[in-house]
N, C-alpha and C. Protein backbone atom coordinates (compact mmCIF):
# COMPACT_ATOMS: atom_id res chain seq x y z
N MET A 1 -7.19 -0.63 3.44
CA MET A 1 -7.17 1.02 3.44
C MET A 1 -7.70 0.96 4.56
N LEU A 2 -7.22 2.45 4.81
CA LEU A 2 -7.75 3.43 5.63
C LEU A 2 -8.20 4.46 5.63
N VAL A 3 -9.81 4.92 5.94
CA VAL A 3 -10.04 6.16 5.01
C VAL A 3 -11.23 6.89 6.13
N GLY A 4 -10.76 7.73 6.65
CA GLY A 4 -11.63 8.14 7.54
C GLY A 4 -11.29 10.34 7.83
N PRO A 5 -11.79 11.38 9.00
CA PRO A 5 -11.66 12.21 9.00
C PRO A 5 -10.53 12.82 9.29
N THR A 6 -9.85 13.81 9.71
CA THR A 6 -8.50 14.09 10.34
C THR A 6 -8.62 14.06 11.39
N GLY A 7 -7.58 13.53 12.09
CA GLY A 7 -7.76 13.28 13.66
C GLY A 7 -8.77 12.51 13.90
N GLY A 8 -8.59 10.93 12.96
CA GLY A 8 -9.36 9.86 13.53
C GLY A 8 -9.09 8.76 13.91
N GLY A 9 -8.09 8.78 13.82
CA GLY A 9 -6.99 7.83 14.49
C GLY A 9 -6.71 7.00 13.58
N LYS A 10 -6.43 6.86 12.18
CA LYS A 10 -6.12 5.77 11.39
C LYS A 10 -4.66 5.60 11.29
N THR A 11 -3.50 6.77 11.68
CA THR A 11 -2.39 6.90 11.81
C THR A 11 -2.28 5.29 12.54
N GLN A 12 -2.85 5.89 14.05
CA GLN A 12 -2.37 5.18 14.96
C GLN A 12 -3.23 3.53 15.40
N THR A 13 -4.08 3.24 13.92
CA THR A 13 -4.87 2.64 14.32
C THR A 13 -3.93 1.41 13.33
N TYR A 14 -3.23 1.84 12.28
CA TYR A 14 -2.63 0.79 11.38
C TYR A 14 -1.14 0.64 11.95
N LYS A 15 -0.48 1.76 12.87
CA LYS A 15 0.80 1.55 13.46
C LYS A 15 0.26 0.17 14.77
N MET A 16 -0.33 0.25 15.40
CA MET A 16 -0.72 -0.11 16.73
C MET A 16 -1.32 -1.80 16.04
N LEU A 17 -1.99 -2.02 14.89
CA LEU A 17 -2.05 -3.55 14.22
C LEU A 17 -0.77 -3.51 13.59
N ALA A 18 0.04 -3.19 13.31
CA ALA A 18 1.17 -3.96 13.04
C ALA A 18 2.01 -3.90 13.47
N HIS A 19 2.03 -3.10 14.95
CA HIS A 19 2.80 -3.65 15.86
C HIS A 19 2.42 -5.04 16.43
N ALA A 20 1.46 -5.29 16.74
CA ALA A 20 0.53 -6.32 17.54
C ALA A 20 0.84 -7.36 16.59
N MET A 21 0.56 -7.39 15.30
CA MET A 21 0.88 -8.94 14.59
C MET A 21 2.33 -8.69 14.51
N SER A 22 3.45 -8.12 14.43
CA SER A 22 4.55 -7.99 14.07
C SER A 22 5.10 -9.29 15.51
N ALA A 23 4.37 -8.62 16.64
CA ALA A 23 4.97 -9.27 17.83
C ALA A 23 4.48 -10.91 17.93
N LEU A 24 3.55 -11.23 17.10
CA LEU A 24 3.03 -12.94 16.99
C LEU A 24 3.96 -13.29 16.17
N LYS A 25 5.06 -12.90 15.68
CA LYS A 25 5.99 -13.42 14.30
C LYS A 25 6.55 -14.98 15.24
N GLY A 26 6.89 -15.59 13.89
CA GLY A 26 7.20 -16.75 14.90
C GLY A 26 5.92 -18.19 15.74
N GLN A 27 4.69 -17.30 16.09
CA GLN A 27 3.86 -18.31 16.89
C GLN A 27 2.39 -18.58 15.36
N GLY A 28 2.63 -19.90 14.74
CA GLY A 28 1.79 -19.98 13.57
C GLY A 28 2.44 -19.62 12.26
N ASP A 29 1.44 -18.80 11.48
CA ASP A 29 1.79 -18.11 9.91
C ASP A 29 2.06 -16.56 10.16
N TYR A 30 2.30 -16.00 11.50
CA TYR A 30 2.09 -14.53 11.38
C TYR A 30 3.89 -14.29 11.31
N GLN A 31 4.35 -12.91 10.20
CA GLN A 31 5.43 -12.58 10.09
C GLN A 31 5.07 -10.96 10.24
N LYS A 32 6.48 -10.44 10.50
CA LYS A 32 6.55 -9.32 10.34
C LYS A 32 5.55 -8.39 9.63
N VAL A 33 5.30 -7.37 9.95
CA VAL A 33 4.22 -6.90 9.00
C VAL A 33 4.90 -5.33 8.73
N TRP A 34 4.87 -5.27 6.99
CA TRP A 34 5.03 -3.95 6.34
C TRP A 34 3.95 -3.11 5.82
N TYR A 35 3.84 -2.07 5.52
CA TYR A 35 3.25 -1.14 5.73
C TYR A 35 3.61 -0.15 4.28
N HIS A 36 2.64 0.55 3.75
CA HIS A 36 3.42 1.05 2.48
C HIS A 36 2.29 2.55 2.46
N ILE A 37 2.64 3.67 2.67
CA ILE A 37 1.70 4.95 2.87
C ILE A 37 1.95 5.67 1.65
N LEU A 38 0.76 5.76 1.04
CA LEU A 38 0.32 6.30 -0.11
C LEU A 38 -0.73 7.30 -0.42
N ASN A 39 -0.81 8.71 -1.11
CA ASN A 39 -1.34 9.93 -0.81
C ASN A 39 -2.00 9.66 -2.16
N PRO A 40 -3.19 8.95 -2.42
CA PRO A 40 -3.38 9.15 -4.12
C PRO A 40 -4.13 10.53 -4.51
N LYS A 41 -4.07 11.48 -3.72
CA LYS A 41 -4.45 12.92 -4.06
C LYS A 41 -3.33 13.73 -4.64
N SER A 42 -2.19 13.04 -4.29
CA SER A 42 -1.08 13.81 -4.69
C SER A 42 -0.75 13.33 -6.25
N ILE A 43 -1.16 12.79 -6.73
CA ILE A 43 -0.38 12.19 -8.07
C ILE A 43 -2.18 11.55 -8.98
N THR A 44 -1.63 11.65 -10.23
CA THR A 44 -2.63 11.34 -11.27
C THR A 44 -3.41 9.87 -11.36
N MET A 45 -4.89 9.73 -11.94
CA MET A 45 -4.93 8.32 -11.98
C MET A 45 -4.38 7.45 -12.86
N GLU A 46 -3.71 7.60 -13.76
CA GLU A 46 -2.63 6.74 -14.45
C GLU A 46 -1.22 6.91 -13.37
N GLN A 47 -1.25 8.09 -13.38
CA GLN A 47 -0.01 7.26 -12.29
C GLN A 47 0.00 6.46 -11.35
N LEU A 48 -1.23 6.54 -10.34
CA LEU A 48 -1.91 5.48 -9.67
C LEU A 48 -1.92 3.84 -10.19
N TYR A 49 -3.06 4.24 -11.24
CA TYR A 49 -3.19 2.60 -11.22
C TYR A 49 -2.14 2.40 -12.78
N GLY A 50 -1.68 2.87 -13.65
CA GLY A 50 -1.33 2.82 -14.58
C GLY A 50 -1.97 2.87 -15.95
N GLY A 51 -1.17 3.03 -17.05
CA GLY A 51 -2.11 3.47 -18.11
C GLY A 51 -0.94 2.96 -19.79
N LEU A 52 -1.92 2.87 -20.83
CA LEU A 52 -0.92 3.03 -22.11
C LEU A 52 -0.37 4.47 -22.20
N ASP A 53 1.00 4.26 -23.10
CA ASP A 53 1.71 4.69 -23.56
C ASP A 53 1.13 5.34 -24.62
N PRO A 54 0.38 6.71 -25.03
CA PRO A 54 0.12 7.28 -26.16
C PRO A 54 0.82 7.02 -27.48
N ALA A 55 2.16 7.14 -27.20
CA ALA A 55 3.23 7.27 -28.27
C ALA A 55 3.40 5.84 -28.73
N THR A 56 3.95 4.65 -27.92
CA THR A 56 3.43 3.43 -27.96
C THR A 56 2.98 2.45 -27.80
N SER A 57 1.96 2.64 -27.46
CA SER A 57 0.82 1.68 -26.94
C SER A 57 1.43 0.53 -25.64
N GLU A 58 2.24 1.44 -25.27
CA GLU A 58 2.77 -0.18 -24.49
C GLU A 58 2.51 0.25 -23.28
N TRP A 59 2.06 -0.47 -22.39
CA TRP A 59 1.35 -0.29 -20.99
C TRP A 59 2.42 0.20 -19.95
N ASN A 60 2.29 1.07 -18.67
CA ASN A 60 3.12 1.62 -17.62
C ASN A 60 2.28 1.03 -16.57
N ASP A 61 3.09 0.47 -15.85
CA ASP A 61 2.06 0.13 -14.74
C ASP A 61 2.22 1.23 -13.66
N GLY A 62 1.03 1.46 -12.35
CA GLY A 62 1.07 2.60 -11.89
C GLY A 62 2.06 2.23 -10.56
N ILE A 63 1.89 3.38 -9.41
CA ILE A 63 2.19 3.30 -8.34
C ILE A 63 1.94 1.24 -7.52
N ALA A 64 0.31 1.77 -7.36
CA ALA A 64 -0.31 0.86 -7.20
C ALA A 64 0.02 -0.20 -7.14
N ALA A 65 -0.05 -0.75 -8.48
CA ALA A 65 0.35 -1.67 -9.16
C ALA A 65 1.82 -2.44 -8.38
N ILE A 66 2.64 -1.48 -8.27
CA ILE A 66 4.18 -1.63 -8.42
C ILE A 66 4.02 -2.19 -6.83
N LEU A 67 3.42 -0.93 -6.02
CA LEU A 67 3.39 -1.33 -4.11
C LEU A 67 2.89 -2.56 -4.29
N VAL A 68 1.79 -3.36 -4.63
CA VAL A 68 1.06 -4.68 -4.90
C VAL A 68 2.22 -5.39 -4.67
N ALA A 69 2.61 -5.99 -5.69
CA ALA A 69 3.53 -6.71 -6.54
C ALA A 69 4.60 -6.48 -5.50
N GLU A 70 5.27 -5.63 -4.83
CA GLU A 70 6.27 -5.80 -4.14
C GLU A 70 5.54 -6.21 -2.75
N ALA A 71 4.68 -6.00 -2.34
CA ALA A 71 4.12 -6.45 -1.31
C ALA A 71 4.02 -8.03 -1.25
N SER A 72 3.56 -8.86 -2.20
CA SER A 72 2.99 -10.00 -2.45
C SER A 72 4.31 -11.24 -2.95
N LYS A 73 6.03 -10.20 -2.86
CA LYS A 73 6.68 -11.02 -2.69
C LYS A 73 7.20 -11.82 -1.76
N ASP A 74 7.00 -11.02 -0.65
CA ASP A 74 6.78 -11.58 0.80
C ASP A 74 6.26 -12.76 1.02
């Protein structure tokens, strides 16, 4: 996770790191790097992390949980 002020270089930092680590693919345990961008301010906490449906008491996964599950498949 990267946090910082506007214009602080967050985007360039993760892109350069992903490119550098992807360039090492095939050398040791390195693989192609994928990244997922999420703006947590654009959704509610329940949408981000998940929560119980009040009508059915069923758990619904949030976007962060789904992204982590997808990323860990590789």
